[in-house]
Amino acid sequence: MRLGVLDVGSNTVHLLVVDAHPGACPLPAHSHKADLRLAQLLDEDGAIGPDGVDRLIAVVHDALRAAEDKGVEDLLPFATSAVREATNADDVLARVRTETGVELTVLTGEEEARLTFLAVRRWFGWSAGKLLVLDIGGGSLEIAYGIDEEPDTAVSLPLGAGRLTAARLPGDPPDPDDVRALRRHVRTETARTVGEFSRFGAPDHVVATSKTFRQLARISGAARSAEGPYVQRELKRASLEAWVPRLAAMTTAERAELPGVSEGRANQLLAGALVAEGAMDLFRVESLEICPWALREGVILRRLDHMGQG
């Protein structure tokens, strides 16, 4: 059957269409996305303003038309941290439901981490052993660890690249004092979770997902996306540590000129790099591998599992 996943994230609203059935690898058929930056549309009270809600509804309408055009039989719509943490989340969800007919499922941060972990486990298989999975989104950082398809532990931290950029890095290029303050904040927040994971022992394989990690790996020399999903891509901590001060000295326009960095994500790259560097350092990760599957694929796989169970 043809499934569609509608992901209302902190940065983008992304429709992913796949051809899939239980027991088979989902095959991408179409991708439709719009940069919405919901995490940056919150007002001082933490609410998504009327203009932001109007834009969200328009984008959802566009995604529905794309899903219909591509013959989607079953649409799986969900929202993550930007909607989850908005003070007017219930009103936003009600308007989306009334004006588009779409019932958005709001995932918790832990659910995000667990579904992403499932996708990574299926991609690498059992031979990968104990997995540590890191995922930097626009609004949050997800971390999960385990040896099965369900992680032994999973957490979500408010350390998304878009959130941190909007709240803590106003300059272009940012003020060095702001960069140092953000670095301290990231490491303080991350360090609180390290003990929860270290009691399970060292992972056999460390994996990262998300656009942020892919871009950081690309500027560090990893293969281009055009070379396909099956090319191994790695990010080494030593390389990332060398890039952080360079990114901090660049303007957004200069970062957008780097290989693999999109114009829409260039302003967030420094905050994402600080989160990635802090996590790799505190979890003692020298190198990690980039996984092409993440949350959207996890949602699809969970749906297929349920179909397979009748």
C-alpha atoms as a PDB file:
ATOM      1  CA  MET A   1       0.000   0.000   0.000  1.00  0.00           C
ATOM      2  CA  ARG A   2       1.034   3.627  -0.312  1.00  0.00           C
ATOM      3  CA  LEU A   3       1.510   5.300   3.075  1.00  0.00           C
ATOM      4  CA  GLY A   4       2.068   8.955   3.828  1.00  0.00           C
ATOM      5  CA  VAL A   5       3.644  10.438   6.937  1.00  0.00           C
ATOM      6  CA  LEU A   6       2.879  14.086   7.663  1.00  0.00           C
ATOM      7  CA  ASP A   7       5.509  15.385  10.085  1.00  0.00           C
ATOM      8  CA  VAL A   8       4.748  18.806  11.597  1.00  0.00           C
ATOM      9  CA  GLY A   9       8.149  19.567  13.040  1.00  0.00           C
ATOM     10  CA  SER A  10       9.821  22.572  14.586  1.00  0.00           C
ATOM     11  CA  ASN A  11      11.518  23.538  11.316  1.00  0.00           C
ATOM     12  CA  THR A  12       9.501  21.992   8.501  1.00  0.00           C
ATOM     13  CA  VAL A  13       6.225  20.340   7.636  1.00  0.00           C
ATOM     14  CA  HIS A  14       7.273  17.258   5.697  1.00  0.00           C
ATOM     15  CA  LEU A  15       5.114  14.772   3.826  1.00  0.00           C
ATOM     16  CA  LEU A  16       6.937  11.526   3.078  1.00  0.00           C
ATOM     17  CA  VAL A  17       5.170   9.052   0.794  1.00  0.00           C
ATOM     18  CA  VAL A  18       6.353   5.437   0.700  1.00  0.00           C
ATOM     19  CA  ASP A  19       5.310   2.169  -0.887  1.00  0.00           C
ATOM     20  CA  ALA A  20       5.235  -0.407   1.863  1.00  0.00           C
ATOM     21  CA  HIS A  21       3.780  -3.604   3.243  1.00  0.00           C
ATOM     22  CA  PRO A  22       4.541  -5.620   6.387  1.00  0.00           C
ATOM     23  CA  GLY A  23       7.877  -7.417   6.257  1.00  0.00           C
ATOM     24  CA  ALA A  24       9.316  -5.261   3.462  1.00  0.00           C
ATOM     25  CA  CYS A  25      11.565  -2.225   3.377  1.00  0.00           C
ATOM     26  CA  PRO A  26       9.532   0.988   2.842  1.00  0.00           C
ATOM     27  CA  LEU A  27      10.443   2.480  -0.541  1.00  0.00           C
ATOM     28  CA  PRO A  28      10.339   6.300  -0.811  1.00  0.00           C
ATOM     29  CA  ALA A  29       7.974   7.459  -3.566  1.00  0.00           C
ATOM     30  CA  HIS A  30       7.602  11.189  -2.975  1.00  0.00           C
ATOM     31  CA  SER A  31       8.709  13.957  -0.614  1.00  0.00           C
ATOM     32  CA  HIS A  32       6.952  17.283  -0.115  1.00  0.00           C
ATOM     33  CA  LYS A  33       8.182  19.795   2.439  1.00  0.00           C
ATOM     34  CA  ALA A  34       7.730  23.402   3.459  1.00  0.00           C
ATOM     35  CA  ASP A  35       9.929  25.473   5.767  1.00  0.00           C
ATOM     36  CA  LEU A  36       7.618  26.800   8.456  1.00  0.00           C
ATOM     37  CA  ARG A  37       9.938  27.355  11.447  1.00  0.00           C
ATOM     38  CA  LEU A  38       7.189  26.921  14.036  1.00  0.00           C
ATOM     39  CA  ALA A  39       9.761  26.968  16.828  1.00  0.00           C
ATOM     40  CA  GLN A  40      10.619  30.531  15.819  1.00  0.00           C
ATOM     41  CA  LEU A  41       6.981  31.687  15.512  1.00  0.00           C
ATOM     42  CA  LEU A  42       6.209  31.449  19.231  1.00  0.00           C
ATOM     43  CA  ASP A  43       5.292  34.724  20.943  1.00  0.00           C
ATOM     44  CA  GLU A  44       6.622  35.854  24.312  1.00  0.00           C
ATOM     45  CA  ASP A  45       3.963  33.756  26.062  1.00  0.00           C
ATOM     46  CA  GLY A  46       5.031  30.609  24.196  1.00  0.00           C
ATOM     47  CA  ALA A  47       1.975  30.516  21.935  1.00  0.00           C
ATOM     48  CA  ILE A  48       1.869  30.077  18.166  1.00  0.00           C
ATOM     49  CA  GLY A  49       0.384  33.327  16.885  1.00  0.00           C
ATOM     50  CA  PRO A  50      -2.593  33.610  14.494  1.00  0.00           C
ATOM     51  CA  ASP A  51      -0.310  34.150  11.502  1.00  0.00           C
ATOM     52  CA  GLY A  52       1.666  31.041  12.379  1.00  0.00           C
ATOM     53  CA  VAL A  53      -1.485  28.944  12.702  1.00  0.00           C
ATOM     54  CA  ASP A  54      -2.795  30.291   9.384  1.00  0.00           C
ATOM     55  CA  ARG A  55       0.479  29.359   7.699  1.00  0.00           C
ATOM     56  CA  LEU A  56       0.405  25.891   9.293  1.00  0.00           C
ATOM     57  CA  ILE A  57      -3.120  25.264   8.021  1.00  0.00           C
ATOM     58  CA  ALA A  58      -2.176  26.407   4.509  1.00  0.00           C
ATOM     59  CA  VAL A  59       0.849  24.091   4.486  1.00  0.00           C
ATOM     60  CA  VAL A  60      -1.244  21.143   5.724  1.00  0.00           C
ATOM     61  CA  HIS A  61      -3.752  21.795   2.915  1.00  0.00           C
ATOM     62  CA  ASP A  62      -0.864  21.727   0.405  1.00  0.00           C
ATOM     63  CA  ALA A  63       0.420  18.460   1.869  1.00  0.00           C
ATOM     64  CA  LEU A  64      -3.052  16.896   1.660  1.00  0.00           C
ATOM     65  CA  ARG A  65      -3.295  17.802  -2.005  1.00  0.00           C
ATOM     66  CA  ALA A  66       0.141  16.285  -2.620  1.00  0.00           C
ATOM     67  CA  ALA A  67      -0.870  13.115  -0.765  1.00  0.00           C
ATOM     68  CA  GLU A  68      -4.040  12.832  -2.839  1.00  0.00           C
ATOM     69  CA  ASP A  69      -2.125  13.397  -6.079  1.00  0.00           C
ATOM     70  CA  LYS A  70       0.308  10.603  -5.167  1.00  0.00           C
ATOM     71  CA  GLY A  71      -2.429   8.115  -4.288  1.00  0.00           C
ATOM     72  CA  VAL A  72      -1.797   7.867  -0.539  1.00  0.00           C
ATOM     73  CA  GLU A  73      -4.151   5.331   1.059  1.00  0.00           C
ATOM     74  CA  ASP A  74      -3.315   5.942   4.686  1.00  0.00           C
ATOM     75  CA  LEU A  75      -1.962   9.215   6.127  1.00  0.00           C
ATOM     76  CA  LEU A  76      -0.143   9.226   9.472  1.00  0.00           C
ATOM     77  CA  PRO A  77      -0.043  12.840  10.730  1.00  0.00           C
ATOM     78  CA  PHE A  78       1.920  13.836  13.811  1.00  0.00           C
ATOM     79  CA  ALA A  79       3.492  16.876  15.474  1.00  0.00           C
ATOM     80  CA  THR A  80       6.595  17.215  17.607  1.00  0.00           C
ATOM     81  CA  SER A  81       8.085  19.721  20.053  1.00  0.00           C
ATOM     82  CA  ALA A  82       6.980  23.074  18.563  1.00  0.00           C
ATOM     83  CA  VAL A  83       3.285  22.164  18.783  1.00  0.00           C
ATOM     84  CA  ARG A  84       3.745  19.990  21.861  1.00  0.00           C
ATOM     85  CA  GLU A  85       5.208  22.846  23.898  1.00  0.00           C
ATOM     86  CA  ALA A  86       3.091  25.706  22.577  1.00  0.00           C
ATOM     87  CA  THR A  87       0.911  27.165  25.325  1.00  0.00           C
ATOM     88  CA  ASN A  88      -2.046  27.190  22.924  1.00  0.00           C
ATOM     89  CA  ALA A  89      -1.440  23.684  21.560  1.00  0.00           C
ATOM     90  CA  ASP A  90      -5.037  22.551  22.099  1.00  0.00           C
ATOM     91  CA  ASP A  91      -6.397  25.531  20.153  1.00  0.00           C
ATOM     92  CA  VAL A  92      -3.901  24.978  17.331  1.00  0.00           C
ATOM     93  CA  LEU A  93      -4.789  21.291  17.055  1.00  0.00           C
ATOM     94  CA  ALA A  94      -8.509  22.106  17.077  1.00  0.00           C
ATOM     95  CA  ARG A  95      -8.157  24.644  14.258  1.00  0.00           C
ATOM     96  CA  VAL A  96      -6.093  22.230  12.170  1.00  0.00           C
ATOM     97  CA  ARG A  97      -8.692  19.508  12.721  1.00  0.00           C
ATOM     98  CA  THR A  98     -11.646  21.791  11.922  1.00  0.00           C
ATOM     99  CA  GLU A  99     -10.159  23.463   8.840  1.00  0.00           C
ATOM    100  CA  THR A 100      -8.271  20.541   7.280  1.00  0.00           C
ATOM    101  CA  GLY A 101      -9.817  17.394   8.747  1.00  0.00           C
ATOM    102  CA  VAL A 102      -6.359  16.276   9.918  1.00  0.00           C
ATOM    103  CA  GLU A 103      -6.099  14.948  13.471  1.00  0.00           C
ATOM    104  CA  LEU A 104      -2.488  15.568  14.459  1.00  0.00           C
ATOM    105  CA  THR A 105      -1.072  13.099  16.974  1.00  0.00           C
ATOM    106  CA  VAL A 106       1.278  14.963  19.296  1.00  0.00           C
ATOM    107  CA  LEU A 107       4.260  12.780  20.125  1.00  0.00           C
ATOM    108  CA  THR A 108       6.011  13.106  23.444  1.00  0.00           C
ATOM    109  CA  GLY A 109       9.763  13.617  23.400  1.00  0.00           C
ATOM    110  CA  GLU A 110      10.293  10.079  24.660  1.00  0.00           C
ATOM    111  CA  GLU A 111       8.062   8.704  21.901  1.00  0.00           C
ATOM    112  CA  GLU A 112      10.159  10.598  19.350  1.00  0.00           C
ATOM    113  CA  ALA A 113      13.324   9.049  20.775  1.00  0.00           C
ATOM    114  CA  ARG A 114      11.844   5.537  20.820  1.00  0.00           C
ATOM    115  CA  LEU A 115      10.477   5.670  17.268  1.00  0.00           C
ATOM    116  CA  THR A 116      13.763   7.046  15.959  1.00  0.00           C
ATOM    117  CA  PHE A 117      15.582   4.258  17.775  1.00  0.00           C
ATOM    118  CA  LEU A 118      13.322   1.678  16.109  1.00  0.00           C
ATOM    119  CA  ALA A 119      14.168   3.096  12.676  1.00  0.00           C
ATOM    120  CA  VAL A 120      17.903   3.012  13.403  1.00  0.00           C
ATOM    121  CA  ARG A 121      17.719  -0.560  14.735  1.00  0.00           C
ATOM    122  CA  ARG A 122      15.901  -1.754  11.611  1.00  0.00           C
ATOM    123  CA  TRP A 123      18.423   0.014   9.373  1.00  0.00           C
ATOM    124  CA  PHE A 124      21.533  -1.451  11.008  1.00  0.00           C
ATOM    125  CA  GLY A 125      20.077  -4.739  12.248  1.00  0.00           C
ATOM    126  CA  TRP A 126      20.940  -6.879  15.239  1.00  0.00           C
ATOM    127  CA  SER A 127      24.630  -7.089  14.359  1.00  0.00           C
ATOM    128  CA  ALA A 128      25.035  -3.472  15.475  1.00  0.00           C
ATOM    129  CA  GLY A 129      24.701  -4.649  19.091  1.00  0.00           C
ATOM    130  CA  LYS A 130      24.012  -2.034  21.752  1.00  0.00           C
ATOM    131  CA  LEU A 131      23.040   1.223  20.059  1.00  0.00           C
ATOM    132  CA  LEU A 132      23.349   4.786  21.289  1.00  0.00           C
ATOM    133  CA  VAL A 133      21.212   7.039  19.067  1.00  0.00           C
ATOM    134  CA  LEU A 134      21.384  10.853  18.953  1.00  0.00           C
ATOM    135  CA  ASP A 135      18.896  13.045  17.076  1.00  0.00           C
ATOM    136  CA  ILE A 136      19.005  16.863  16.969  1.00  0.00           C
ATOM    137  CA  GLY A 137      15.743  18.409  15.824  1.00  0.00           C
ATOM    138  CA  GLY A 138      14.596  21.998  15.606  1.00  0.00           C
ATOM    139  CA  GLY A 139      13.132  21.961  19.104  1.00  0.00           C
ATOM    140  CA  SER A 140      14.753  19.093  20.986  1.00  0.00           C
ATOM    141  CA  LEU A 141      17.593  16.619  21.309  1.00  0.00           C
ATOM    142  CA  GLU A 142      16.596  12.960  21.595  1.00  0.00           C
ATOM    143  CA  ILE A 143      18.909  10.312  23.040  1.00  0.00           C
ATOM    144  CA  ALA A 144      18.152   6.578  23.219  1.00  0.00           C
ATOM    145  CA  TYR A 145      20.128   3.456  24.131  1.00  0.00           C
ATOM    146  CA  GLY A 146      19.418  -0.256  23.934  1.00  0.00           C
ATOM    147  CA  ILE A 147      20.074  -3.689  22.489  1.00  0.00           C
ATOM    148  CA  ASP A 148      16.507  -4.520  21.368  1.00  0.00           C
ATOM    149  CA  GLU A 149      14.018  -2.688  19.133  1.00  0.00           C
ATOM    150  CA  GLU A 150      12.705  -0.871  22.195  1.00  0.00           C
ATOM    151  CA  PRO A 151      15.451   1.152  23.892  1.00  0.00           C
ATOM    152  CA  ASP A 152      16.367   0.523  27.506  1.00  0.00           C
ATOM    153  CA  THR A 153      16.227   4.264  28.138  1.00  0.00           C
ATOM    154  CA  ALA A 154      15.250   7.306  26.106  1.00  0.00           C
ATOM    155  CA  VAL A 155      15.178  11.020  26.895  1.00  0.00           C
ATOM    156  CA  SER A 156      14.289  14.266  25.176  1.00  0.00           C
ATOM    157  CA  LEU A 157      16.024  17.534  26.058  1.00  0.00           C
ATOM    158  CA  PRO A 158      15.019  21.097  25.027  1.00  0.00           C
ATOM    159  CA  LEU A 159      18.204  21.487  22.989  1.00  0.00           C
ATOM    160  CA  GLY A 160      16.934  21.772  19.434  1.00  0.00           C
ATOM    161  CA  ALA A 161      19.011  23.789  16.980  1.00  0.00           C
ATOM    162  CA  GLY A 162      16.170  26.129  16.017  1.00  0.00           C
ATOM    163  CA  ARG A 163      15.050  26.740  19.593  1.00  0.00           C
ATOM    164  CA  LEU A 164      18.570  27.544  20.811  1.00  0.00           C
ATOM    165  CA  THR A 165      19.366  29.789  17.865  1.00  0.00           C
ATOM    166  CA  ALA A 166      16.232  31.882  18.332  1.00  0.00           C
ATOM    167  CA  ALA A 167      16.635  32.164  22.104  1.00  0.00           C
ATOM    168  CA  ARG A 168      20.391  32.431  22.589  1.00  0.00           C
ATOM    169  CA  LEU A 169      22.253  33.400  19.402  1.00  0.00           C
ATOM    170  CA  PRO A 170      20.747  36.678  18.144  1.00  0.00           C
ATOM    171  CA  GLY A 171      23.840  38.047  16.372  1.00  0.00           C
ATOM    172  CA  ASP A 172      25.075  37.344  12.858  1.00  0.00           C
ATOM    173  CA  PRO A 173      27.787  36.338  13.420  1.00  0.00           C
ATOM    174  CA  PRO A 174      26.947  35.658  17.074  1.00  0.00           C
ATOM    175  CA  ASP A 175      28.682  37.396  19.939  1.00  0.00           C
ATOM    176  CA  PRO A 176      31.483  35.185  21.364  1.00  0.00           C
ATOM    177  CA  ASP A 177      30.035  35.612  24.865  1.00  0.00           C
ATOM    178  CA  ASP A 178      26.679  34.255  23.644  1.00  0.00           C
ATOM    179  CA  VAL A 179      28.430  31.275  22.065  1.00  0.00           C
ATOM    180  CA  ARG A 180      30.276  30.492  25.301  1.00  0.00           C
ATOM    181  CA  ALA A 181      27.077  30.840  27.333  1.00  0.00           C
ATOM    182  CA  LEU A 182      25.225  28.505  24.973  1.00  0.00           C
ATOM    183  CA  ARG A 183      28.073  25.986  25.132  1.00  0.00           C
ATOM    184  CA  ARG A 184      27.827  25.962  28.951  1.00  0.00           C
ATOM    185  CA  HIS A 185      24.049  25.617  28.844  1.00  0.00           C
ATOM    186  CA  VAL A 186      24.143  22.699  26.388  1.00  0.00           C
ATOM    187  CA  ARG A 187      26.708  20.802  28.404  1.00  0.00           C
ATOM    188  CA  THR A 188      24.945  21.403  31.718  1.00  0.00           C
ATOM    189  CA  GLU A 189      21.634  20.116  30.353  1.00  0.00           C
ATOM    190  CA  THR A 190      23.222  17.125  28.622  1.00  0.00           C
ATOM    191  CA  ALA A 191      25.416  16.128  31.556  1.00  0.00           C
ATOM    192  CA  ARG A 192      22.331  15.592  33.722  1.00  0.00           C
ATOM    193  CA  THR A 193      21.374  12.599  31.587  1.00  0.00           C
ATOM    194  CA  VAL A 194      24.759  10.903  31.170  1.00  0.00           C
ATOM    195  CA  GLY A 195      24.493   8.851  34.351  1.00  0.00           C
ATOM    196  CA  GLU A 196      21.154   7.411  33.258  1.00  0.00           C
ATOM    197  CA  PHE A 197      22.855   5.929  30.187  1.00  0.00           C
ATOM    198  CA  SER A 198      26.288   5.013  31.564  1.00  0.00           C
ATOM    199  CA  ARG A 199      24.824   2.429  33.946  1.00  0.00           C
ATOM    200  CA  PHE A 200      23.998   0.277  30.895  1.00  0.00           C
ATOM    201  CA  GLY A 201      27.614   0.126  29.775  1.00  0.00           C
ATOM    202  CA  ALA A 202      29.382   1.330  26.639  1.00  0.00           C
ATOM    203  CA  PRO A 203      27.469   1.091  23.339  1.00  0.00           C
ATOM    204  CA  ASP A 204      28.737  -1.067  20.502  1.00  0.00           C
ATOM    205  CA  HIS A 205      27.670   1.428  17.876  1.00  0.00           C
ATOM    206  CA  VAL A 206      26.850   5.144  18.058  1.00  0.00           C
ATOM    207  CA  VAL A 207      24.480   6.527  15.446  1.00  0.00           C
ATOM    208  CA  ALA A 208      23.093   9.973  14.669  1.00  0.00           C
ATOM    209  CA  THR A 209      20.081  10.997  12.614  1.00  0.00           C
ATOM    210  CA  SER A 210      18.614  14.347  11.506  1.00  0.00           C
ATOM    211  CA  LYS A 211      19.440  17.085   9.042  1.00  0.00           C
ATOM    212  CA  THR A 212      21.778  18.782  11.515  1.00  0.00           C
ATOM    213  CA  PHE A 213      24.042  15.766  11.898  1.00  0.00           C
ATOM    214  CA  ARG A 214      23.979  15.105   8.140  1.00  0.00           C
ATOM    215  CA  GLN A 215      25.103  18.657   7.428  1.00  0.00           C
ATOM    216  CA  LEU A 216      27.846  18.505  10.051  1.00  0.00           C
ATOM    217  CA  ALA A 217      29.098  15.236   8.580  1.00  0.00           C
ATOM    218  CA  ARG A 218      28.994  16.704   5.063  1.00  0.00           C
ATOM    219  CA  ILE A 219      31.106  19.778   5.896  1.00  0.00           C
ATOM    220  CA  SER A 220      33.518  17.402   7.630  1.00  0.00           C
ATOM    221  CA  GLY A 221      34.010  15.459   4.393  1.00  0.00           C
ATOM    222  CA  ALA A 222      31.221  12.855   4.285  1.00  0.00           C
ATOM    223  CA  ALA A 223      29.725  11.799   0.967  1.00  0.00           C
ATOM    224  CA  ARG A 224      27.078  13.949  -0.719  1.00  0.00           C
ATOM    225  CA  SER A 225      23.426  12.949  -0.411  1.00  0.00           C
ATOM    226  CA  ALA A 226      23.380  12.427  -4.177  1.00  0.00           C
ATOM    227  CA  GLU A 227      25.599   9.368  -3.691  1.00  0.00           C
ATOM    228  CA  GLY A 228      22.670   7.550  -2.105  1.00  0.00           C
ATOM    229  CA  PRO A 229      21.609   6.298   1.336  1.00  0.00           C
ATOM    230  CA  TYR A 230      23.807   3.190   1.388  1.00  0.00           C
ATOM    231  CA  VAL A 231      27.134   5.048   1.435  1.00  0.00           C
ATOM    232  CA  GLN A 232      28.633   5.017   4.920  1.00  0.00           C
ATOM    233  CA  ARG A 233      28.873   8.493   6.427  1.00  0.00           C
ATOM    234  CA  GLU A 234      30.708   9.257   9.654  1.00  0.00           C
ATOM    235  CA  LEU A 235      31.267  12.267  11.873  1.00  0.00           C
ATOM    236  CA  LYS A 236      34.397  12.357  14.012  1.00  0.00           C
ATOM    237  CA  ARG A 237      34.520  14.426  17.182  1.00  0.00           C
ATOM    238  CA  ALA A 238      37.967  15.793  16.361  1.00  0.00           C
ATOM    239  CA  SER A 239      36.694  17.137  13.060  1.00  0.00           C
ATOM    240  CA  LEU A 240      33.579  18.622  14.679  1.00  0.00           C
ATOM    241  CA  GLU A 241      35.657  20.336  17.372  1.00  0.00           C
ATOM    242  CA  ALA A 242      37.762  21.947  14.649  1.00  0.00           C
ATOM    243  CA  TRP A 243      34.644  23.206  12.851  1.00  0.00           C
ATOM    244  CA  VAL A 244      32.863  24.789  15.838  1.00  0.00           C
ATOM    245  CA  PRO A 245      35.072  27.915  16.126  1.00  0.00           C
ATOM    246  CA  ARG A 246      34.987  28.317  12.358  1.00  0.00           C
ATOM    247  CA  LEU A 247      31.195  28.190  12.302  1.00  0.00           C
ATOM    248  CA  ALA A 248      31.028  30.644  15.211  1.00  0.00           C
ATOM    249  CA  ALA A 249      33.041  33.195  13.212  1.00  0.00           C
ATOM    250  CA  MET A 250      30.851  32.888  10.094  1.00  0.00           C
ATOM    251  CA  THR A 251      27.716  34.779   9.135  1.00  0.00           C
ATOM    252  CA  THR A 252      24.610  32.853   8.120  1.00  0.00           C
ATOM    253  CA  ALA A 253      25.312  33.681   4.479  1.00  0.00           C
ATOM    254  CA  GLU A 254      28.831  32.297   4.758  1.00  0.00           C
ATOM    255  CA  ARG A 255      27.604  29.062   6.345  1.00  0.00           C
ATOM    256  CA  ALA A 256      25.074  28.661   3.525  1.00  0.00           C
ATOM    257  CA  GLU A 257      28.018  28.460   1.105  1.00  0.00           C
ATOM    258  CA  LEU A 258      29.385  25.351   2.834  1.00  0.00           C
ATOM    259  CA  PRO A 259      28.879  21.997   1.089  1.00  0.00           C
ATOM    260  CA  GLY A 260      25.570  20.377   1.958  1.00  0.00           C
ATOM    261  CA  VAL A 261      24.275  23.284   4.047  1.00  0.00           C
ATOM    262  CA  SER A 262      20.878  24.606   2.989  1.00  0.00           C
ATOM    263  CA  GLU A 263      20.106  28.300   3.147  1.00  0.00           C
ATOM    264  CA  GLY A 264      17.138  27.667   5.418  1.00  0.00           C
ATOM    265  CA  ARG A 265      19.192  25.742   7.999  1.00  0.00           C
ATOM    266  CA  ALA A 266      22.426  27.761   7.859  1.00  0.00           C
ATOM    267  CA  ASN A 267      21.504  30.012  10.783  1.00  0.00           C
ATOM    268  CA  GLN A 268      20.938  26.965  13.020  1.00  0.00           C
ATOM    269  CA  LEU A 269      24.120  25.120  12.173  1.00  0.00           C
ATOM    270  CA  LEU A 270      26.283  26.590  14.938  1.00  0.00           C
ATOM    271  CA  ALA A 271      23.769  25.771  17.687  1.00  0.00           C
ATOM    272  CA  GLY A 272      23.418  22.268  16.257  1.00  0.00           C
ATOM    273  CA  ALA A 273      27.198  21.876  16.199  1.00  0.00           C
ATOM    274  CA  LEU A 274      27.466  22.911  19.845  1.00  0.00           C
ATOM    275  CA  VAL A 275      24.817  20.356  20.814  1.00  0.00           C
ATOM    276  CA  ALA A 276      26.485  17.610  18.761  1.00  0.00           C
ATOM    277  CA  GLU A 277      29.929  18.433  20.134  1.00  0.00           C
ATOM    278  CA  GLY A 278      28.666  18.504  23.724  1.00  0.00           C
ATOM    279  CA  ALA A 279      26.835  15.185  23.383  1.00  0.00           C
ATOM    280  CA  MET A 280      29.780  13.434  21.719  1.00  0.00           C
ATOM    281  CA  ASP A 281      32.180  14.742  24.362  1.00  0.00           C
ATOM    282  CA  LEU A 282      30.049  13.950  27.407  1.00  0.00           C
ATOM    283  CA  PHE A 283      29.121  10.488  26.120  1.00  0.00           C
ATOM    284  CA  ARG A 284      32.779   9.877  25.154  1.00  0.00           C
ATOM    285  CA  VAL A 285      32.007   9.318  21.495  1.00  0.00           C
ATOM    286  CA  GLU A 286      34.994   9.641  19.165  1.00  0.00           C
ATOM    287  CA  SER A 287      33.085   8.814  15.982  1.00  0.00           C
ATOM    288  CA  LEU A 288      29.487   8.156  15.032  1.00  0.00           C
ATOM    289  CA  GLU A 289      27.697   6.944  11.912  1.00  0.00           C
ATOM    290  CA  ILE A 290      24.889   8.782  10.156  1.00  0.00           C
ATOM    291  CA  CYS A 291      21.657   6.835   9.623  1.00  0.00           C
ATOM    292  CA  PRO A 292      19.371   7.858   6.734  1.00  0.00           C
ATOM    293  CA  TRP A 293      16.282   6.663   8.619  1.00  0.00           C
ATOM    294  CA  ALA A 294      14.842   8.615  11.521  1.00  0.00           C
ATOM    295  CA  LEU A 295      11.509   9.543  13.128  1.00  0.00           C
ATOM    296  CA  ARG A 296       9.315   9.465  10.012  1.00  0.00           C
ATOM    297  CA  GLU A 297      10.564   5.998   9.106  1.00  0.00           C
ATOM    298  CA  GLY A 298      10.008   4.895  12.699  1.00  0.00           C
ATOM    299  CA  VAL A 299       6.362   5.988  12.502  1.00  0.00           C
ATOM    300  CA  ILE A 300       5.955   4.042   9.246  1.00  0.00           C
ATOM    301  CA  LEU A 301       7.612   0.928  10.637  1.00  0.00           C
ATOM    302  CA  ARG A 302       5.440   0.969  13.755  1.00  0.00           C
ATOM    303  CA  ARG A 303       2.338   1.246  11.557  1.00  0.00           C
ATOM    304  CA  LEU A 304       3.464  -1.676   9.417  1.00  0.00           C
ATOM    305  CA  ASP A 305       4.131  -3.735  12.535  1.00  0.00           C
ATOM    306  CA  HIS A 306       0.575  -3.138  13.689  1.00  0.00           C
ATOM    307  CA  MET A 307      -0.767  -4.071  10.261  1.00  0.00           C
ATOM    308  CA  GLY A 308       1.253  -7.278  10.324  1.00  0.00           C
ATOM    309  CA  GLN A 309      -0.272  -8.163  13.688  1.00  0.00           C
ATOM    310  CA  GLY A 310      -3.761  -7.830  12.220  1.00  0.00           C
END
